[in-house]
Amino acid sequence: MEIRQLKTFLTVARFLSFNRAAAHLHYAQSSI
């Protein structure tokens, strides 16, 4: 597992939303 994947997972868990996590990380939602 890469750092980026772990950071993404933790952000999704924190926001409880893929959409909000993607916006926070400046990623496209489909990449999450």
Protein backbone atom coordinates (compact mmCIF):
# COMPACT_ATOMS: atom_id res chain seq x y z
CA MET A 1 0.00 0.00 0.00
CA GLU A 2 1.30 3.40 -0.93
CA ILE A 3 1.15 6.54 1.19
CA ARG A 4 -1.31 8.11 -1.28
CA GLN A 5 -3.70 5.17 -0.89
CA LEU A 6 -3.52 5.33 2.89
CA LYS A 7 -4.07 9.10 2.88
CA THR A 8 -7.07 8.65 0.59
CA PHE A 9 -8.55 5.93 2.80
CA LEU A 10 -8.15 8.02 5.95
CA THR A 11 -9.69 11.06 4.30
CA VAL A 12 -12.72 9.09 3.09
CA ALA A 13 -13.14 7.66 6.59
CA ARG A 14 -12.90 11.12 8.14
CA PHE A 15 -15.45 12.75 5.82
CA LEU A 16 -17.63 9.63 5.42
CA SER A 17 -18.03 10.69 1.81
CA PHE A 18 -16.11 9.86 -1.35
CA ASN A 19 -17.22 13.12 -2.94
CA ARG A 20 -16.06 15.35 -0.06
CA ALA A 21 -12.80 13.41 0.30
CA ALA A 22 -12.07 13.80 -3.41
CA ALA A 23 -12.71 17.54 -3.23
CA HIS A 24 -10.49 17.86 -0.14
CA LEU A 25 -7.63 15.94 -1.77
CA HIS A 26 -8.10 17.67 -5.15
CA TYR A 27 -8.70 14.31 -6.88
CA ALA A 28 -11.38 13.32 -9.35
CA GLN A 29 -14.01 11.29 -7.52
CA SER A 30 -13.61 8.45 -10.02
CA SER A 31 -9.93 8.08 -9.06
CA ILE A 32 -10.91 7.28 -5.50
